Amino acid sequence: MIIYNLVSQIFNSIVNYRNHGYNSGKYKILDCGKPLISVGNISSGGSGKTPFVLMLADEFIKAGYRPAIIGRGYKKIKKGEVIVSDGVSTFVGATEAGDEMFMLASRLKVPIVANEDKKLAALSAVKLFNPDLIILDDGFQHRSLKRDIDIVLIDRESIERPFLLPKGRLREPFESLLRSDYICINENLQNEINNFIVFDDNKKVVFKNSDYNYIFIESGESATEAQLDIARKSSLIVSGIAHSEIFLQSLKNNNFNTRFELAFEDHHNYSEKDIKRIINICLKNNLKYIITTDKDAVKLINFHKSLKQNDISCIISRFDVFIIGKRDSFINNLITKLNLK
């Protein structure tokens, strides 16, 4: 614990030095030439950024704008730039694009560019697709790229363990939230965040998850109530996400028997060996369904024939996020701040 505290203090000094460099103008910031909105967090691991990006892009599309999305494409097998989608066609799979970028491409008709160097991703998106705006997935710490709006999501674990890496999960202290334009929190965290930072209440945006939809991976069709009745009793829960316990709890809340669970590391790339293990567990315990996440589904779909041959169906437990309370004013304020015509 003493070592963790010491390393966290060193990490804090590095973070403060870096932020001072950008605040003072010492470090250069690239303007990609288009309005850019960043969705990020101050912690490592999942906080719901990608579902929030999906929701934002969908809102801009509904308002008549053409967004492009850029991101790292975490754990994609190819280094450098990958054009995931041009808004019409998707050119690569989940392993080449990274699961989150591919999942966005599978649900949205917008250009998507993945690159570890997000500055280059932004420049390519502008050059190739000339979008009305850029949405940057996981960009709060990527300060070398100019953004017009910073949106930061806060999750429960960051509040419950408010320590910098490696003692906790924070990439930056809570004070860094002051440089954000909007702080987005789940509805059940509204009061708790006030214990850590005082900020203009106009910056606070509250969101919640939609009801879960259960969709067959191979057909895209919704499961019937009869099918769900069986699935709730006899399913294997499979996930490779940052907080599998949250996923598990959501299923418990929806009356699923979660006795059988297989949790992998975040962004796990499934192999033939993994699928054989999954099939063996299902056959041994007479389980007819696999329940998984959207992020895992884009990789598991490659094995749906093997699952089907063993009379096993895979169901995606899908949720979306939406703004509550002041959705219209939030979206309109974004459009105004981005100076979109």
Protein backbone atom coordinates (compact mmCIF):
# COMPACT_ATOMS: atom_id res chain seq x y z
CA MET A 1 0.00 0.00 0.00
CA ILE A 2 2.88 2.39 0.81
CA ILE A 3 4.39 1.71 -2.61
CA TYR A 4 1.01 2.34 -4.30
CA ASN A 5 0.70 5.65 -2.46
CA LEU A 6 4.19 6.70 -3.51
CA VAL A 7 3.67 5.74 -7.16
CA SER A 8 0.29 7.54 -7.16
CA GLN A 9 2.01 10.70 -5.89
CA ILE A 10 4.61 10.45 -8.64
CA PHE A 11 1.87 9.87 -11.20
CA ASN A 12 0.01 12.93 -9.89
CA SER A 13 3.13 15.07 -10.34
CA ILE A 14 3.51 13.88 -13.94
CA VAL A 15 -0.17 14.59 -14.69
CA ASN A 16 0.06 18.09 -13.17
CA TYR A 17 3.25 18.87 -15.10
CA ARG A 18 1.70 17.72 -18.37
CA ASN A 19 -1.53 19.68 -17.82
CA HIS A 20 0.44 22.78 -16.91
CA GLY A 21 2.32 22.44 -20.20
CA TYR A 22 -0.93 22.55 -22.16
CA ASN A 23 -2.50 25.25 -19.99
CA SER A 24 0.53 27.52 -20.42
CA GLY A 25 0.85 27.01 -24.16
CA LYS A 26 4.17 25.17 -23.86
CA TYR A 27 2.82 22.14 -25.72
CA LYS A 28 1.35 22.47 -29.20
CA ILE A 29 -2.29 21.71 -29.88
CA LEU A 30 -3.45 20.67 -33.36
CA ASP A 31 -6.61 22.14 -34.86
CA CYS A 32 -8.04 19.59 -37.31
CA GLY A 33 -10.15 22.24 -39.02
CA LYS A 34 -13.56 20.94 -38.01
CA PRO A 35 -15.67 21.33 -34.85
CA LEU A 36 -14.64 18.58 -32.47
CA ILE A 37 -16.41 17.19 -29.42
CA SER A 38 -14.54 14.88 -27.05
CA VAL A 39 -16.18 12.23 -24.88
CA GLY A 40 -13.86 10.97 -22.16
CA ASN A 41 -13.36 10.24 -18.50
CA ILE A 42 -10.80 10.67 -15.74
CA SER A 43 -10.45 6.96 -14.98
CA SER A 44 -9.10 3.88 -16.68
CA GLY A 45 -11.51 1.17 -17.76
CA GLY A 46 -15.14 1.40 -18.74
CA SER A 47 -17.44 4.27 -17.84
CA GLY A 48 -19.93 4.07 -20.70
CA LYS A 49 -18.08 6.32 -23.16
CA THR A 50 -18.85 4.30 -26.28
CA PRO A 51 -22.64 4.04 -25.71
CA PHE A 52 -22.58 7.78 -25.01
CA VAL A 53 -20.70 8.42 -28.27
CA LEU A 54 -23.27 6.31 -30.11
CA MET A 55 -26.10 8.32 -28.57
CA LEU A 56 -24.43 11.65 -29.43
CA ALA A 57 -23.75 10.68 -33.04
CA ASP A 58 -27.34 9.54 -33.43
CA GLU A 59 -28.61 12.85 -32.04
CA PHE A 60 -26.49 14.85 -34.50
CA ILE A 61 -27.69 12.67 -37.38
CA LYS A 62 -31.31 13.26 -36.36
CA ALA A 63 -30.59 17.00 -36.29
CA GLY A 64 -29.37 16.83 -39.90
CA TYR A 65 -25.59 16.83 -39.40
CA ARG A 66 -22.89 14.48 -40.66
CA PRO A 67 -20.57 13.43 -37.82
CA ALA A 68 -17.45 11.30 -38.10
CA ILE A 69 -16.11 9.29 -35.16
CA ILE A 70 -12.47 8.77 -34.31
CA GLY A 71 -10.86 6.67 -31.60
CA ARG A 72 -7.89 4.56 -30.72
CA GLY A 73 -9.40 1.22 -31.69
CA TYR A 74 -8.12 -0.42 -28.54
CA LYS A 75 -6.57 -3.88 -29.07
CA LYS A 76 -6.94 -3.76 -32.84
CA ILE A 77 -4.40 -6.12 -34.35
CA LYS A 78 -3.04 -3.64 -36.89
CA LYS A 79 -1.05 -0.64 -35.68
CA GLY A 80 -1.59 2.76 -37.24
CA GLU A 81 -4.61 3.97 -39.15
CA VAL A 82 -7.61 1.82 -39.98
CA ILE A 83 -10.57 3.17 -41.94
CA VAL A 84 -13.34 1.24 -40.26
CA SER A 85 -16.26 2.71 -42.22
CA ASP A 86 -16.98 5.43 -44.76
CA GLY A 87 -20.53 5.78 -43.50
CA VAL A 88 -21.89 3.38 -46.09
CA SER A 89 -19.69 0.28 -45.96
CA THR A 90 -17.68 -1.29 -43.16
CA PHE A 91 -14.27 -2.35 -44.43
CA VAL A 92 -12.78 -4.40 -41.59
CA GLY A 93 -13.82 -6.70 -38.79
CA ALA A 94 -13.71 -6.28 -35.02
CA THR A 95 -10.15 -7.59 -34.62
CA GLU A 96 -8.82 -5.11 -37.21
CA ALA A 97 -10.89 -2.16 -35.98
CA GLY A 98 -11.06 -2.82 -32.26
CA ASP A 99 -14.33 -4.00 -30.74
CA GLU A 100 -15.70 -0.57 -29.78
CA MET A 101 -15.00 1.09 -33.14
CA PHE A 102 -16.49 -1.88 -34.98
CA MET A 103 -19.55 -1.92 -32.73
CA LEU A 104 -20.14 1.77 -33.54
CA ALA A 105 -19.74 1.03 -37.25
CA SER A 106 -22.25 -1.81 -37.02
CA ARG A 107 -24.90 0.46 -35.50
CA LEU A 108 -24.24 3.83 -37.15
CA LYS A 109 -23.89 4.96 -40.75
CA VAL A 110 -21.04 7.42 -40.15
CA PRO A 111 -17.35 7.49 -41.13
CA ILE A 112 -15.16 5.93 -38.45
CA VAL A 113 -11.36 6.11 -38.27
CA ALA A 114 -9.24 4.22 -35.72
CA ASN A 115 -5.69 5.25 -34.92
CA GLU A 116 -3.53 5.26 -31.81
CA ASP A 117 -2.53 8.78 -32.85
CA LYS A 118 -5.88 10.52 -32.62
CA LYS A 119 -4.53 13.69 -34.25
CA LEU A 120 -3.83 11.72 -37.43
CA ALA A 121 -7.24 10.08 -37.18
CA ALA A 122 -8.89 13.51 -37.05
CA LEU A 123 -6.92 14.80 -40.02
CA SER A 124 -7.77 11.71 -42.08
CA ALA A 125 -11.47 11.94 -41.20
CA VAL A 126 -11.54 15.56 -42.35
CA LYS A 127 -9.58 14.91 -45.54
CA LEU A 128 -11.43 11.76 -46.60
CA PHE A 129 -15.00 12.49 -45.51
CA ASN A 130 -15.38 16.25 -44.88
CA PRO A 131 -17.82 15.75 -41.97
CA ASP A 132 -19.70 18.55 -40.24
CA LEU A 133 -18.09 17.61 -36.95
CA ILE A 134 -15.77 15.08 -35.32
CA ILE A 135 -16.68 13.03 -32.24
CA LEU A 136 -13.60 11.80 -30.39
CA ASP A 137 -14.08 8.64 -28.32
CA ASP A 138 -11.92 8.70 -25.14
CA GLY A 139 -10.27 12.08 -25.65
CA PHE A 140 -10.13 13.94 -22.32
CA GLN A 141 -6.40 13.22 -21.81
CA HIS A 142 -5.58 13.63 -25.52
CA ARG A 143 -4.97 17.35 -25.13
CA SER A 144 -2.70 17.70 -28.18
CA LEU A 145 -5.87 17.71 -30.33
CA LYS A 146 -8.00 20.85 -30.11
CA ARG A 147 -11.56 20.27 -29.04
CA ASP A 148 -14.46 22.69 -28.91
CA ILE A 149 -16.36 20.75 -26.25
CA ASP A 150 -15.12 18.38 -23.54
CA ILE A 151 -17.67 15.92 -22.13
CA VAL A 152 -16.52 13.78 -19.21
CA LEU A 153 -18.37 10.73 -17.86
CA ILE A 154 -18.05 9.72 -14.23
CA ASP A 155 -18.71 6.16 -13.06
CA ARG A 156 -19.42 4.77 -9.60
CA GLU A 157 -16.02 3.14 -9.01
CA SER A 158 -14.22 6.44 -9.62
CA ILE A 159 -16.31 8.01 -6.87
CA GLU A 160 -16.00 5.07 -4.48
CA ARG A 161 -12.21 4.79 -4.96
CA PRO A 162 -11.08 8.35 -5.78
CA PHE A 163 -7.37 7.59 -6.02
CA LEU A 164 -4.90 8.03 -8.83
CA LEU A 165 -3.29 5.07 -10.56
CA PRO A 166 -2.10 2.59 -9.40
CA LYS A 167 -3.81 2.94 -6.01
CA GLY A 168 -7.13 3.58 -7.75
CA ARG A 169 -8.37 3.97 -11.34
CA LEU A 170 -8.11 7.73 -11.79
CA ARG A 171 -5.99 9.03 -14.67
CA GLU A 172 -6.40 12.55 -13.29
CA PRO A 173 -7.61 14.07 -10.02
CA PHE A 174 -11.21 15.22 -9.72
CA GLU A 175 -10.03 18.85 -9.99
CA SER A 176 -9.37 18.19 -13.69
CA LEU A 177 -13.12 18.09 -14.20
CA LEU A 178 -13.08 21.88 -13.96
CA ARG A 179 -11.66 22.12 -17.48
CA SER A 180 -14.58 20.10 -18.90
CA ASP A 181 -17.65 21.67 -20.48
CA TYR A 182 -20.06 18.99 -19.27
CA ILE A 183 -19.86 16.39 -16.52
CA CYS A 184 -22.17 13.49 -17.31
CA ILE A 185 -23.25 11.16 -14.54
CA ASN A 186 -25.67 8.31 -14.16
CA GLU A 187 -28.85 9.33 -12.40
CA ASN A 188 -28.00 7.36 -9.26
CA LEU A 189 -24.76 9.35 -8.73
CA GLN A 190 -26.23 12.86 -8.72
CA ASN A 191 -25.60 13.56 -5.05
CA GLU A 192 -22.40 11.59 -4.57
CA ILE A 193 -20.26 13.57 -7.00
CA ASN A 194 -20.88 16.77 -5.01
CA ASN A 195 -18.70 15.33 -2.25
CA PHE A 196 -15.63 15.58 -4.49
CA ILE A 197 -15.90 18.77 -6.50
CA VAL A 198 -17.96 21.96 -6.60
CA PHE A 199 -18.94 22.95 -10.12
CA ASP A 200 -21.50 24.97 -12.01
CA ASP A 201 -24.71 22.95 -11.99
CA ASN A 202 -25.26 23.97 -15.64
CA LYS A 203 -22.32 21.72 -16.49
CA LYS A 204 -24.01 18.66 -15.04
CA VAL A 205 -25.87 16.36 -17.40
CA VAL A 206 -27.71 13.33 -16.08
CA PHE A 207 -28.17 10.22 -18.17
CA LYS A 208 -29.58 6.76 -17.62
CA ASN A 209 -29.61 3.43 -19.38
CA SER A 210 -32.56 2.42 -21.46
CA ASP A 211 -34.38 -0.82 -20.81
CA TYR A 212 -32.41 -3.80 -22.04
CA ASN A 213 -33.20 -5.31 -25.42
CA TYR A 214 -32.34 -8.95 -26.06
CA ILE A 215 -31.32 -9.60 -29.65
CA PHE A 216 -30.16 -12.76 -31.41
CA ILE A 217 -26.62 -12.29 -32.66
CA GLU A 218 -27.09 -14.12 -35.97
CA SER A 219 -30.42 -12.64 -37.09
CA GLY A 220 -30.66 -9.30 -35.29
CA GLU A 221 -34.19 -10.24 -34.25
CA SER A 222 -35.50 -9.63 -30.74
CA ALA A 223 -35.97 -12.65 -28.50
CA THR A 224 -39.57 -13.51 -27.73
CA GLU A 225 -40.86 -13.68 -24.17
CA ALA A 226 -41.04 -17.47 -24.47
CA GLN A 227 -37.41 -17.63 -25.55
CA LEU A 228 -36.40 -15.26 -22.77
CA ASP A 229 -38.21 -17.38 -20.20
CA ILE A 230 -35.94 -20.28 -21.15
CA ALA A 231 -32.84 -18.08 -21.42
CA ARG A 232 -33.40 -16.65 -17.94
CA LYS A 233 -33.24 -20.17 -16.52
CA SER A 234 -30.47 -21.76 -18.59
CA SER A 235 -27.81 -19.43 -19.95
CA LEU A 236 -24.08 -18.98 -19.84
CA ILE A 237 -23.10 -15.32 -19.26
CA VAL A 238 -20.05 -14.45 -21.39
CA SER A 239 -18.27 -11.08 -21.32
CA GLY A 240 -14.92 -9.44 -21.92
CA ILE A 241 -15.52 -5.94 -20.57
CA ALA A 242 -14.04 -3.68 -17.89
CA HIS A 243 -16.77 -4.25 -15.31
CA SER A 244 -18.31 -7.67 -15.83
CA GLU A 245 -19.89 -7.44 -12.37
CA ILE A 246 -22.08 -4.55 -13.54
CA PHE A 247 -23.21 -6.59 -16.54
CA LEU A 248 -23.90 -9.54 -14.27
CA GLN A 249 -25.93 -7.40 -11.90
CA SER A 250 -28.01 -6.00 -14.76
CA LEU A 251 -28.94 -9.55 -15.73
CA LYS A 252 -29.79 -10.44 -12.13
CA ASN A 253 -32.03 -7.39 -12.02
CA ASN A 254 -33.80 -8.74 -15.10
CA ASN A 255 -34.38 -12.15 -13.49
CA PHE A 256 -31.60 -14.09 -15.22
CA ASN A 257 -30.02 -17.02 -13.41
CA THR A 258 -26.36 -15.95 -13.35
CA ARG A 259 -24.98 -19.15 -11.87
CA PHE A 260 -22.95 -19.88 -14.98
CA GLU A 261 -20.60 -17.02 -15.92
CA LEU A 262 -17.42 -16.77 -17.96
CA ALA A 263 -15.66 -13.40 -17.64
CA PHE A 264 -12.60 -12.51 -19.71
CA GLU A 265 -10.35 -9.45 -19.60
CA ASP A 266 -11.55 -6.19 -21.16
CA HIS A 267 -11.47 -6.15 -25.00
CA HIS A 268 -10.81 -9.89 -25.08
CA ASN A 269 -10.33 -11.36 -28.56
CA TYR A 270 -12.07 -14.74 -28.61
CA SER A 271 -10.20 -17.75 -29.97
CA GLU A 272 -11.27 -21.21 -31.12
CA LYS A 273 -10.06 -22.48 -27.73
CA ASP A 274 -12.38 -20.04 -25.96
CA ILE A 275 -15.34 -21.14 -28.06
CA LYS A 276 -14.65 -24.82 -27.35
CA ARG A 277 -14.59 -23.98 -23.64
CA ILE A 278 -17.88 -22.09 -23.95
CA ILE A 279 -19.50 -24.95 -25.87
CA ASN A 280 -18.27 -27.54 -23.35
CA ILE A 281 -19.73 -25.57 -20.43
CA CYS A 282 -23.06 -25.27 -22.23
CA LEU A 283 -23.25 -28.94 -23.19
CA LYS A 284 -22.19 -30.13 -19.74
CA ASN A 285 -24.87 -28.05 -18.04
CA ASN A 286 -27.57 -28.29 -20.73
CA LEU A 287 -27.48 -24.54 -21.40
CA LYS A 288 -29.18 -23.48 -24.63
CA TYR A 289 -28.27 -19.78 -24.62
CA ILE A 290 -25.26 -17.51 -24.27
CA ILE A 291 -25.94 -13.98 -23.05
CA THR A 292 -23.30 -11.41 -23.97
CA THR A 293 -22.67 -7.68 -24.49
CA ASP A 294 -22.71 -5.59 -27.65
CA LYS A 295 -18.94 -5.21 -27.44
CA ASP A 296 -18.39 -8.97 -27.20
CA ALA A 297 -21.00 -9.80 -29.83
CA VAL A 298 -19.01 -8.21 -32.67
CA LYS A 299 -16.32 -10.85 -32.05
CA LEU A 300 -18.46 -13.81 -31.02
CA ILE A 301 -20.50 -13.54 -34.21
CA ASN A 302 -17.53 -15.05 -36.06
CA PHE A 303 -18.23 -18.31 -34.21
CA HIS A 304 -22.01 -18.43 -34.42
CA LYS A 305 -21.95 -21.42 -36.82
CA SER A 306 -19.99 -23.50 -34.29
CA LEU A 307 -22.45 -22.51 -31.59
CA LYS A 308 -25.43 -23.30 -33.80
CA GLN A 309 -24.05 -26.74 -34.63
CA ASN A 310 -24.24 -27.47 -30.91
CA ASP A 311 -27.77 -26.08 -30.60
CA ILE A 312 -26.56 -22.99 -28.72
CA SER A 313 -27.96 -19.54 -29.49
CA CYS A 314 -26.25 -16.28 -28.60
CA ILE A 315 -28.28 -13.31 -27.35
CA ILE A 316 -26.99 -9.75 -27.04
CA SER A 317 -28.10 -7.89 -23.94
CA ARG A 318 -28.17 -4.39 -25.40
CA PHE A 319 -28.80 -1.06 -23.73
CA ASP A 320 -28.54 2.52 -24.88
CA VAL A 321 -28.08 5.70 -22.88
CA PHE A 322 -30.26 8.78 -23.01
CA ILE A 323 -30.27 12.18 -21.40
CA ILE A 324 -32.95 12.86 -18.82
CA GLY A 325 -34.25 16.21 -17.65
CA LYS A 326 -32.83 18.58 -20.26
CA ARG A 327 -32.07 16.54 -23.36
CA ASP A 328 -33.22 19.13 -25.91
CA SER A 329 -31.36 22.04 -24.31
CA PHE A 330 -28.21 19.90 -23.99
CA ILE A 331 -28.19 18.93 -27.67
CA ASN A 332 -29.08 22.48 -28.78
CA ASN A 333 -26.28 23.89 -26.63
CA LEU A 334 -23.82 21.49 -28.25
CA ILE A 335 -24.92 22.59 -31.72
CA THR A 336 -24.57 26.26 -30.73
CA LYS A 337 -21.14 25.82 -29.11
CA LEU A 338 -19.87 23.90 -32.13
CA ASN A 339 -21.10 26.76 -34.33
CA LEU A 340 -22.92 24.32 -36.60
CA LYS A 341 -25.20 25.98 -39.13
